[in-house]
Full PDB file with SEQRES, HELIX, SHEET, SSBOND, CRYST1, ORIGX, SCALE, CONECT and MASTER records, all heavy atoms in Angstrom:
SEQRES   1 A   36  PHE LYS ALA TYR SER LYS ASP GLY VAL THR ILE PRO GLU          
SEQRES   2 A   36  TYR ASN GLY GLU LYS LEU LYS GLU VAL SER VAL GLY ALA          
SEQRES   3 A   36  GLY VAL LEU LEU GLY GLY ILE GLY GLY ALA                      
HELIX    1 AA1 GLY A   16  ILE A   33  1                                  18    
SHEET    1 AA1 2 TYR A   4  LYS A   6  0                                        
SHEET    2 AA1 2 VAL A   9  ILE A  11 -1                                        
CRYST1    1.000    1.000    1.000  90.00  90.00  90.00 P 1           1          
ORIGX1      1.000000  0.000000  0.000000        0.00000                         
ORIGX2      0.000000  1.000000  0.000000        0.00000                         
ORIGX3      0.000000  0.000000  1.000000        0.00000                         
SCALE1      1.000000  0.000000  0.000000        0.00000                         
SCALE2      0.000000  1.000000  0.000000        0.00000                         
SCALE3      0.000000  0.000000  1.000000        0.00000                         
ATOM      1  N   PHE A   1     -61.416 -63.494  20.545  1.00  0.00           N  
ATOM      2  CA  PHE A   1     -62.067 -64.749  20.909  1.00  0.00           C  
ATOM      3  C   PHE A   1     -63.334 -64.446  21.696  1.00  0.00           C  
ATOM      4  O   PHE A   1     -63.285 -63.960  22.825  1.00  0.00           O  
ATOM      5  CB  PHE A   1     -61.103 -65.626  21.721  1.00  0.00           C  
ATOM      6  CG  PHE A   1     -59.844 -65.958  20.978  1.00  0.00           C  
ATOM      7  CD1 PHE A   1     -58.638 -65.351  21.305  1.00  0.00           C  
ATOM      8  CD2 PHE A   1     -59.867 -66.873  19.928  1.00  0.00           C  
ATOM      9  CE1 PHE A   1     -57.474 -65.662  20.614  1.00  0.00           C  
ATOM     10  CE2 PHE A   1     -58.709 -67.179  19.222  1.00  0.00           C  
ATOM     11  CZ  PHE A   1     -57.501 -66.570  19.566  1.00  0.00           C  
ATOM     12  N   LYS A   2     -64.464 -64.755  21.074  1.00  0.00           N  
ATOM     13  CA  LYS A   2     -65.753 -64.366  21.639  1.00  0.00           C  
ATOM     14  C   LYS A   2     -66.266 -65.364  22.664  1.00  0.00           C  
ATOM     15  O   LYS A   2     -65.713 -66.445  22.836  1.00  0.00           O  
ATOM     16  CB  LYS A   2     -66.760 -64.184  20.506  1.00  0.00           C  
ATOM     17  CG  LYS A   2     -66.355 -63.074  19.559  1.00  0.00           C  
ATOM     18  CD  LYS A   2     -67.405 -62.827  18.522  1.00  0.00           C  
ATOM     19  CE  LYS A   2     -66.991 -61.669  17.594  1.00  0.00           C  
ATOM     20  NZ  LYS A   2     -67.983 -61.434  16.539  1.00  0.00           N  
ATOM     21  N   ALA A   3     -67.336 -64.956  23.336  1.00  0.00           N  
ATOM     22  CA  ALA A   3     -67.946 -65.813  24.348  1.00  0.00           C  
ATOM     23  C   ALA A   3     -68.536 -67.067  23.704  1.00  0.00           C  
ATOM     24  O   ALA A   3     -68.885 -67.064  22.523  1.00  0.00           O  
ATOM     25  CB  ALA A   3     -69.033 -65.047  25.093  1.00  0.00           C  
ATOM     26  N   TYR A   4     -68.630 -68.108  24.513  1.00  0.00           N  
ATOM     27  CA  TYR A   4     -69.171 -69.392  24.053  1.00  0.00           C  
ATOM     28  C   TYR A   4     -70.472 -69.644  24.799  1.00  0.00           C  
ATOM     29  O   TYR A   4     -70.557 -69.461  26.017  1.00  0.00           O  
ATOM     30  CB  TYR A   4     -68.157 -70.491  24.357  1.00  0.00           C  
ATOM     31  CG  TYR A   4     -68.648 -71.907  24.105  1.00  0.00           C  
ATOM     32  CD1 TYR A   4     -68.390 -72.550  22.904  1.00  0.00           C  
ATOM     33  CD2 TYR A   4     -69.334 -72.603  25.100  1.00  0.00           C  
ATOM     34  CE1 TYR A   4     -68.819 -73.856  22.691  1.00  0.00           C  
ATOM     35  CE2 TYR A   4     -69.762 -73.906  24.896  1.00  0.00           C  
ATOM     36  CZ  TYR A   4     -69.506 -74.533  23.692  1.00  0.00           C  
ATOM     37  OH  TYR A   4     -69.928 -75.825  23.483  1.00  0.00           O  
ATOM     38  N   SER A   5     -71.493 -70.064  24.079  1.00  0.00           N  
ATOM     39  CA  SER A   5     -72.763 -70.397  24.719  1.00  0.00           C  
ATOM     40  C   SER A   5     -73.432 -71.526  23.939  1.00  0.00           C  
ATOM     41  O   SER A   5     -73.829 -71.352  22.785  1.00  0.00           O  
ATOM     42  CB  SER A   5     -73.683 -69.162  24.760  1.00  0.00           C  
ATOM     43  OG  SER A   5     -74.873 -69.464  25.452  1.00  0.00           O  
ATOM     44  N   LYS A   6     -73.539 -72.673  24.595  1.00  0.00           N  
ATOM     45  CA  LYS A   6     -74.140 -73.838  23.952  1.00  0.00           C  
ATOM     46  C   LYS A   6     -74.582 -74.844  25.007  1.00  0.00           C  
ATOM     47  O   LYS A   6     -73.840 -75.121  25.951  1.00  0.00           O  
ATOM     48  CB  LYS A   6     -73.139 -74.489  22.992  1.00  0.00           C  
ATOM     49  CG  LYS A   6     -73.726 -75.617  22.146  1.00  0.00           C  
ATOM     50  CD  LYS A   6     -72.692 -76.129  21.148  1.00  0.00           C  
ATOM     51  CE  LYS A   6     -73.284 -77.243  20.297  1.00  0.00           C  
ATOM     52  NZ  LYS A   6     -72.297 -77.776  19.318  1.00  0.00           N  
ATOM     53  N   ASP A   7     -75.806 -75.357  24.833  1.00  0.00           N  
ATOM     54  CA  ASP A   7     -76.353 -76.377  25.741  1.00  0.00           C  
ATOM     55  C   ASP A   7     -76.238 -75.978  27.214  1.00  0.00           C  
ATOM     56  O   ASP A   7     -75.886 -76.788  28.076  1.00  0.00           O  
ATOM     57  CB  ASP A   7     -75.644 -77.722  25.531  1.00  0.00           C  
ATOM     58  CG  ASP A   7     -75.959 -78.334  24.163  1.00  0.00           C  
ATOM     59  OD1 ASP A   7     -76.962 -77.923  23.550  1.00  0.00           O  
ATOM     60  OD2 ASP A   7     -75.194 -79.198  23.725  1.00  0.00           O  
ATOM     61  N   GLY A   8     -76.514 -74.717  27.491  1.00  0.00           N  
ATOM     62  CA  GLY A   8     -76.491 -74.250  28.882  1.00  0.00           C  
ATOM     63  C   GLY A   8     -75.110 -73.937  29.419  1.00  0.00           C  
ATOM     64  O   GLY A   8     -74.953 -73.581  30.586  1.00  0.00           O  
ATOM     65  N   VAL A   9     -74.091 -74.080  28.566  1.00  0.00           N  
ATOM     66  CA  VAL A   9     -72.720 -73.769  28.985  1.00  0.00           C  
ATOM     67  C   VAL A   9     -72.329 -72.416  28.424  1.00  0.00           C  
ATOM     68  O   VAL A   9     -72.342 -72.212  27.213  1.00  0.00           O  
ATOM     69  CB  VAL A   9     -71.727 -74.840  28.491  1.00  0.00           C  
ATOM     70  CG1 VAL A   9     -70.306 -74.478  28.922  1.00  0.00           C  
ATOM     71  CG2 VAL A   9     -72.111 -76.220  29.008  1.00  0.00           C  
ATOM     72  N   THR A  10     -71.987 -71.487  29.314  1.00  0.00           N  
ATOM     73  CA  THR A  10     -71.579 -70.146  28.883  1.00  0.00           C  
ATOM     74  C   THR A  10     -70.184 -69.850  29.395  1.00  0.00           C  
ATOM     75  O   THR A  10     -69.910 -69.997  30.594  1.00  0.00           O  
ATOM     76  CB  THR A  10     -72.556 -69.081  29.414  1.00  0.00           C  
ATOM     77  OG1 THR A  10     -73.875 -69.379  28.941  1.00  0.00           O  
ATOM     78  CG2 THR A  10     -72.150 -67.693  28.951  1.00  0.00           C  
ATOM     79  N   ILE A  11     -69.311 -69.459  28.485  1.00  0.00           N  
ATOM     80  CA  ILE A  11     -67.938 -69.085  28.838  1.00  0.00           C  
ATOM     81  C   ILE A  11     -67.707 -67.673  28.312  1.00  0.00           C  
ATOM     82  O   ILE A  11     -67.918 -67.410  27.129  1.00  0.00           O  
ATOM     83  CB  ILE A  11     -66.915 -70.062  28.223  1.00  0.00           C  
ATOM     84  CG1 ILE A  11     -67.164 -71.487  28.752  1.00  0.00           C  
ATOM     85  CG2 ILE A  11     -65.489 -69.621  28.543  1.00  0.00           C  
ATOM     86  CD1 ILE A  11     -66.316 -72.549  28.095  1.00  0.00           C  
ATOM     87  N   PRO A  12     -67.317 -66.741  29.185  1.00  0.00           N  
ATOM     88  CA  PRO A  12     -67.133 -65.350  28.746  1.00  0.00           C  
ATOM     89  C   PRO A  12     -66.003 -65.210  27.736  1.00  0.00           C  
ATOM     90  O   PRO A  12     -65.139 -66.080  27.619  1.00  0.00           O  
ATOM     91  CB  PRO A  12     -66.802 -64.613  30.055  1.00  0.00           C  
ATOM     92  CG  PRO A  12     -66.270 -65.671  30.963  1.00  0.00           C  
ATOM     93  CD  PRO A  12     -66.985 -66.931  30.604  1.00  0.00           C  
ATOM     94  N   GLU A  13     -66.012 -64.110  27.005  1.00  0.00           N  
ATOM     95  CA  GLU A  13     -64.969 -63.898  25.998  1.00  0.00           C  
ATOM     96  C   GLU A  13     -63.606 -63.698  26.654  1.00  0.00           C  
ATOM     97  O   GLU A  13     -63.504 -63.327  27.825  1.00  0.00           O  
ATOM     98  CB  GLU A  13     -65.314 -62.715  25.105  1.00  0.00           C  
ATOM     99  CG  GLU A  13     -65.263 -61.367  25.777  1.00  0.00           C  
ATOM    100  CD  GLU A  13     -65.583 -60.247  24.801  1.00  0.00           C  
ATOM    101  OE1 GLU A  13     -66.568 -60.362  24.044  1.00  0.00           O  
ATOM    102  OE2 GLU A  13     -64.825 -59.249  24.798  1.00  0.00           O  
ATOM    103  N   TYR A  14     -62.598 -63.961  25.876  1.00  0.00           N  
ATOM    104  CA  TYR A  14     -61.213 -63.899  26.363  1.00  0.00           C  
ATOM    105  C   TYR A  14     -60.871 -62.494  26.836  1.00  0.00           C  
ATOM    106  O   TYR A  14     -61.141 -61.509  26.168  1.00  0.00           O  
ATOM    107  CB  TYR A  14     -60.265 -64.318  25.230  1.00  0.00           C  
ATOM    108  CG  TYR A  14     -58.808 -64.061  25.513  1.00  0.00           C  
ATOM    109  CD1 TYR A  14     -58.107 -64.874  26.390  1.00  0.00           C  
ATOM    110  CD2 TYR A  14     -58.146 -63.004  24.893  1.00  0.00           C  
ATOM    111  CE1 TYR A  14     -56.761 -64.640  26.654  1.00  0.00           C  
ATOM    112  CE2 TYR A  14     -56.793 -62.773  25.143  1.00  0.00           C  
ATOM    113  CZ  TYR A  14     -56.112 -63.586  26.025  1.00  0.00           C  
ATOM    114  OH  TYR A  14     -54.783 -63.355  26.272  1.00  0.00           O  
ATOM    115  N   ASN A  15     -60.286 -62.425  28.039  1.00  0.00           N  
ATOM    116  CA  ASN A  15     -59.849 -61.144  28.589  1.00  0.00           C  
ATOM    117  C   ASN A  15     -58.425 -61.314  29.121  1.00  0.00           C  
ATOM    118  O   ASN A  15     -58.198 -61.851  30.207  1.00  0.00           O  
ATOM    119  CB  ASN A  15     -60.789 -60.710  29.722  1.00  0.00           C  
ATOM    120  CG  ASN A  15     -60.478 -59.313  30.233  1.00  0.00           C  
ATOM    121  OD1 ASN A  15     -59.324 -58.947  30.402  1.00  0.00           O  
ATOM    122  ND2 ASN A  15     -61.520 -58.542  30.495  1.00  0.00           N  
ATOM    123  N   GLY A  16     -57.472 -60.869  28.317  1.00  0.00           N  
ATOM    124  CA  GLY A  16     -56.066 -61.056  28.651  1.00  0.00           C  
ATOM    125  C   GLY A  16     -55.648 -60.402  29.948  1.00  0.00           C  
ATOM    126  O   GLY A  16     -54.860 -60.961  30.718  1.00  0.00           O  
ATOM    127  N   GLU A  17     -56.188 -59.209  30.230  1.00  0.00           N  
ATOM    128  CA  GLU A  17     -55.805 -58.485  31.446  1.00  0.00           C  
ATOM    129  C   GLU A  17     -56.230 -59.234  32.703  1.00  0.00           C  
ATOM    130  O   GLU A  17     -55.481 -59.331  33.674  1.00  0.00           O  
ATOM    131  CB  GLU A  17     -56.419 -57.076  31.440  1.00  0.00           C  
ATOM    132  CG  GLU A  17     -55.766 -56.115  30.474  1.00  0.00           C  
ATOM    133  CD  GLU A  17     -54.275 -55.980  30.715  1.00  0.00           C  
ATOM    134  OE1 GLU A  17     -53.875 -55.790  31.887  1.00  0.00           O  
ATOM    135  OE2 GLU A  17     -53.490 -56.085  29.752  1.00  0.00           O  
ATOM    136  N   LYS A  18     -57.451 -59.771  32.660  1.00  0.00           N  
ATOM    137  CA  LYS A  18     -57.938 -60.527  33.814  1.00  0.00           C  
ATOM    138  C   LYS A  18     -57.081 -61.755  34.069  1.00  0.00           C  
ATOM    139  O   LYS A  18     -56.781 -62.105  35.213  1.00  0.00           O  
ATOM    140  CB  LYS A  18     -59.392 -60.959  33.595  1.00  0.00           C  
ATOM    141  CG  LYS A  18     -60.417 -59.898  33.922  1.00  0.00           C  
ATOM    142  CD  LYS A  18     -61.820 -60.483  33.866  1.00  0.00           C  
ATOM    143  CE  LYS A  18     -62.842 -59.436  34.270  1.00  0.00           C  
ATOM    144  NZ  LYS A  18     -64.227 -59.987  34.230  1.00  0.00           N  
ATOM    145  N   LEU A  19     -56.704 -62.429  32.993  1.00  0.00           N  
ATOM    146  CA  LEU A  19     -55.879 -63.628  33.135  1.00  0.00           C  
ATOM    147  C   LEU A  19     -54.522 -63.292  33.737  1.00  0.00           C  
ATOM    148  O   LEU A  19     -54.002 -64.036  34.575  1.00  0.00           O  
ATOM    149  CB  LEU A  19     -55.687 -64.314  31.782  1.00  0.00           C  
ATOM    150  CG  LEU A  19     -56.901 -65.020  31.187  1.00  0.00           C  
ATOM    151  CD1 LEU A  19     -56.508 -65.738  29.904  1.00  0.00           C  
ATOM    152  CD2 LEU A  19     -57.500 -66.027  32.171  1.00  0.00           C  
ATOM    153  N   LYS A  20     -53.949 -62.177  33.318  1.00  0.00           N  
ATOM    154  CA  LYS A  20     -52.655 -61.772  33.868  1.00  0.00           C  
ATOM    155  C   LYS A  20     -52.773 -61.467  35.360  1.00  0.00           C  
ATOM    156  O   LYS A  20     -51.924 -61.859  36.167  1.00  0.00           O  
ATOM    157  CB  LYS A  20     -52.120 -60.549  33.118  1.00  0.00           C  
ATOM    158  CG  LYS A  20     -51.594 -60.876  31.724  1.00  0.00           C  
ATOM    159  CD  LYS A  20     -51.136 -59.619  31.006  1.00  0.00           C  
ATOM    160  CE  LYS A  20     -50.699 -59.935  29.578  1.00  0.00           C  
ATOM    161  NZ  LYS A  20     -50.334 -58.713  28.830  1.00  0.00           N  
ATOM    162  N   GLU A  21     -53.818 -60.754  35.714  1.00  0.00           N  
ATOM    163  CA  GLU A  21     -54.037 -60.408  37.120  1.00  0.00           C  
ATOM    164  C   GLU A  21     -54.155 -61.658  37.987  1.00  0.00           C  
ATOM    165  O   GLU A  21     -53.516 -61.779  39.031  1.00  0.00           O  
ATOM    166  CB  GLU A  21     -55.314 -59.570  37.267  1.00  0.00           C  
ATOM    167  CG  GLU A  21     -55.182 -58.135  36.826  1.00  0.00           C  
ATOM    168  CD  GLU A  21     -56.479 -57.370  37.004  1.00  0.00           C  
ATOM    169  OE1 GLU A  21     -57.442 -57.961  37.556  1.00  0.00           O  
ATOM    170  OE2 GLU A  21     -56.536 -56.197  36.597  1.00  0.00           O  
ATOM    171  N   VAL A  22     -55.012 -62.574  37.540  1.00  0.00           N  
ATOM    172  CA  VAL A  22     -55.262 -63.756  38.350  1.00  0.00           C  
ATOM    173  C   VAL A  22     -54.042 -64.666  38.408  1.00  0.00           C  
ATOM    174  O   VAL A  22     -53.776 -65.300  39.429  1.00  0.00           O  
ATOM    175  CB  VAL A  22     -56.511 -64.514  37.834  1.00  0.00           C  
ATOM    176  CG1 VAL A  22     -56.186 -65.394  36.640  1.00  0.00           C  
ATOM    177  CG2 VAL A  22     -57.136 -65.368  38.934  1.00  0.00           C  
ATOM    178  N   SER A  23     -53.251 -64.718  37.338  1.00  0.00           N  
ATOM    179  CA  SER A  23     -52.054 -65.571  37.337  1.00  0.00           C  
ATOM    180  C   SER A  23     -50.995 -65.019  38.285  1.00  0.00           C  
ATOM    181  O   SER A  23     -50.342 -65.767  39.016  1.00  0.00           O  
ATOM    182  CB  SER A  23     -51.492 -65.721  35.926  1.00  0.00           C  
ATOM    183  OG  SER A  23     -51.034 -64.488  35.420  1.00  0.00           O  
ATOM    184  N   VAL A  24     -50.823 -63.702  38.289  1.00  0.00           N  
ATOM    185  CA  VAL A  24     -49.856 -63.078  39.201  1.00  0.00           C  
ATOM    186  C   VAL A  24     -50.303 -63.270  40.648  1.00  0.00           C  
ATOM    187  O   VAL A  24     -49.511 -63.629  41.530  1.00  0.00           O  
ATOM    188  CB  VAL A  24     -49.682 -61.576  38.887  1.00  0.00           C  
ATOM    189  CG1 VAL A  24     -48.831 -60.904  39.958  1.00  0.00           C  
ATOM    190  CG2 VAL A  24     -49.044 -61.393  37.517  1.00  0.00           C  
ATOM    191  N   GLY A  25     -51.589 -63.049  40.907  1.00  0.00           N  
ATOM    192  CA  GLY A  25     -52.131 -63.219  42.254  1.00  0.00           C  
ATOM    193  C   GLY A  25     -51.985 -64.644  42.751  1.00  0.00           C  
ATOM    194  O   GLY A  25     -51.616 -64.885  43.909  1.00  0.00           O  
ATOM    195  N   ALA A  26     -52.252 -65.596  41.865  1.00  0.00           N  
ATOM    196  CA  ALA A  26     -52.113 -67.006  42.239  1.00  0.00           C  
ATOM    197  C   ALA A  26     -50.661 -67.334  42.570  1.00  0.00           C  
ATOM    198  O   ALA A  26     -50.377 -68.094  43.501  1.00  0.00           O  
ATOM    199  CB  ALA A  26     -52.603 -67.904  41.108  1.00  0.00           C  
ATOM    200  N   GLY A  27     -49.739 -66.731  41.828  1.00  0.00           N  
ATOM    201  CA  GLY A  27     -48.321 -66.942  42.097  1.00  0.00           C  
ATOM    202  C   GLY A  27     -47.920 -66.414  43.464  1.00  0.00           C  
ATOM    203  O   GLY A  27     -47.139 -67.055  44.192  1.00  0.00           O  
ATOM    204  N   VAL A  28     -48.469 -65.267  43.828  1.00  0.00           N  
ATOM    205  CA  VAL A  28     -48.210 -64.679  45.150  1.00  0.00           C  
ATOM    206  C   VAL A  28     -48.678 -65.630  46.250  1.00  0.00           C  
ATOM    207  O   VAL A  28     -47.969 -65.905  47.220  1.00  0.00           O  
ATOM    208  CB  VAL A  28     -48.921 -63.315  45.294  1.00  0.00           C  
ATOM    209  CG1 VAL A  28     -48.874 -62.833  46.746  1.00  0.00           C  
ATOM    210  CG2 VAL A  28     -48.273 -62.276  44.384  1.00  0.00           C  
ATOM    211  N   LEU A  29     -49.882 -66.152  46.077  1.00  0.00           N  
ATOM    212  CA  LEU A  29     -50.449 -67.043  47.095  1.00  0.00           C  
ATOM    213  C   LEU A  29     -49.686 -68.356  47.180  1.00  0.00           C  
ATOM    214  O   LEU A  29     -49.423 -68.862  48.270  1.00  0.00           O  
ATOM    215  CB  LEU A  29     -51.926 -67.316  46.799  1.00  0.00           C  
ATOM    216  CG  LEU A  29     -52.842 -66.092  46.837  1.00  0.00           C  
ATOM    217  CD1 LEU A  29     -54.281 -66.500  46.560  1.00  0.00           C  
ATOM    218  CD2 LEU A  29     -52.747 -65.394  48.190  1.00  0.00           C  
ATOM    219  N   LEU A  30     -49.338 -68.910  46.032  1.00  0.00           N  
ATOM    220  CA  LEU A  30     -48.574 -70.164  46.028  1.00  0.00           C  
ATOM    221  C   LEU A  30     -47.230 -69.977  46.720  1.00  0.00           C  
ATOM    222  O   LEU A  30     -46.745 -70.878  47.411  1.00  0.00           O  
ATOM    223  CB  LEU A  30     -48.350 -70.650  44.592  1.00  0.00           C  
ATOM    224  CG  LEU A  30     -49.502 -71.414  43.951  1.00  0.00           C  
ATOM    225  CD1 LEU A  30     -49.230 -71.636  42.465  1.00  0.00           C  
ATOM    226  CD2 LEU A  30     -49.734 -72.758  44.645  1.00  0.00           C  
ATOM    227  N   GLY A  31     -46.633 -68.809  46.555  1.00  0.00           N  
ATOM    228  CA  GLY A  31     -45.350 -68.536  47.188  1.00  0.00           C  
ATOM    229  C   GLY A  31     -45.438 -68.474  48.696  1.00  0.00           C  
ATOM    230  O   GLY A  31     -44.449 -68.701  49.391  1.00  0.00           O  
ATOM    231  N   GLY A  32     -46.626 -68.161  49.210  1.00  0.00           N  
ATOM    232  CA  GLY A  32     -46.780 -68.029  50.660  1.00  0.00           C  
ATOM    233  C   GLY A  32     -47.360 -69.238  51.353  1.00  0.00           C  
ATOM    234  O   GLY A  32     -47.322 -69.334  52.582  1.00  0.00           O  
ATOM    235  N   ILE A  33     -47.901 -70.180  50.595  1.00  0.00           N  
ATOM    236  CA  ILE A  33     -48.575 -71.329  51.203  1.00  0.00           C  
ATOM    237  C   ILE A  33     -47.630 -72.169  52.054  1.00  0.00           C  
ATOM    238  O   ILE A  33     -48.011 -72.692  53.106  1.00  0.00           O  
ATOM    239  CB  ILE A  33     -49.248 -72.201  50.117  1.00  0.00           C  
ATOM    240  CG1 ILE A  33     -50.553 -71.540  49.686  1.00  0.00           C  
ATOM    241  CG2 ILE A  33     -49.523 -73.608  50.613  1.00  0.00           C  
ATOM    242  CD1 ILE A  33     -51.267 -72.272  48.575  1.00  0.00           C  
ATOM    243  N   GLY A  34     -46.362 -72.276  51.607  1.00  0.00           N  
ATOM    244  CA  GLY A  34     -45.401 -73.093  52.341  1.00  0.00           C  
ATOM    245  C   GLY A  34     -45.231 -72.662  53.784  1.00  0.00           C  
ATOM    246  O   GLY A  34     -45.010 -73.494  54.663  1.00  0.00           O  
ATOM    247  N   GLY A  35     -45.348 -71.380  54.054  1.00  0.00           N  
ATOM    248  CA  GLY A  35     -45.164 -70.892  55.421  1.00  0.00           C  
ATOM    249  C   GLY A  35     -46.467 -70.619  56.138  1.00  0.00           C  
ATOM    250  O   GLY A  35     -46.465 -70.107  57.260  1.00  0.00           O  
ATOM    251  N   ALA A  36     -47.581 -70.952  55.491  1.00  0.00           N  
ATOM    252  CA  ALA A  36     -48.889 -70.665  56.084  1.00  0.00           C  
ATOM    253  C   ALA A  36     -49.423 -71.876  56.839  1.00  0.00           C  
ATOM    254  O   ALA A  36     -48.915 -72.985  56.724  1.00  0.00           O  
ATOM    255  CB  ALA A  36     -49.874 -70.255  54.990  1.00  0.00           C  
TER     256      ALA A  36                                                      
MASTER        0    0    0    1    2    0    0    6  255    1    0    3          
END                                                                             
């Protein structure tokens, strides 16, 4: 899935590894918010 660029809107190409990293990290943070 390639990058998208149209009418000034640019979206980078799909990167599965980055998505996994950010989803795991977000889960860690969500788990700690209750006590923060």
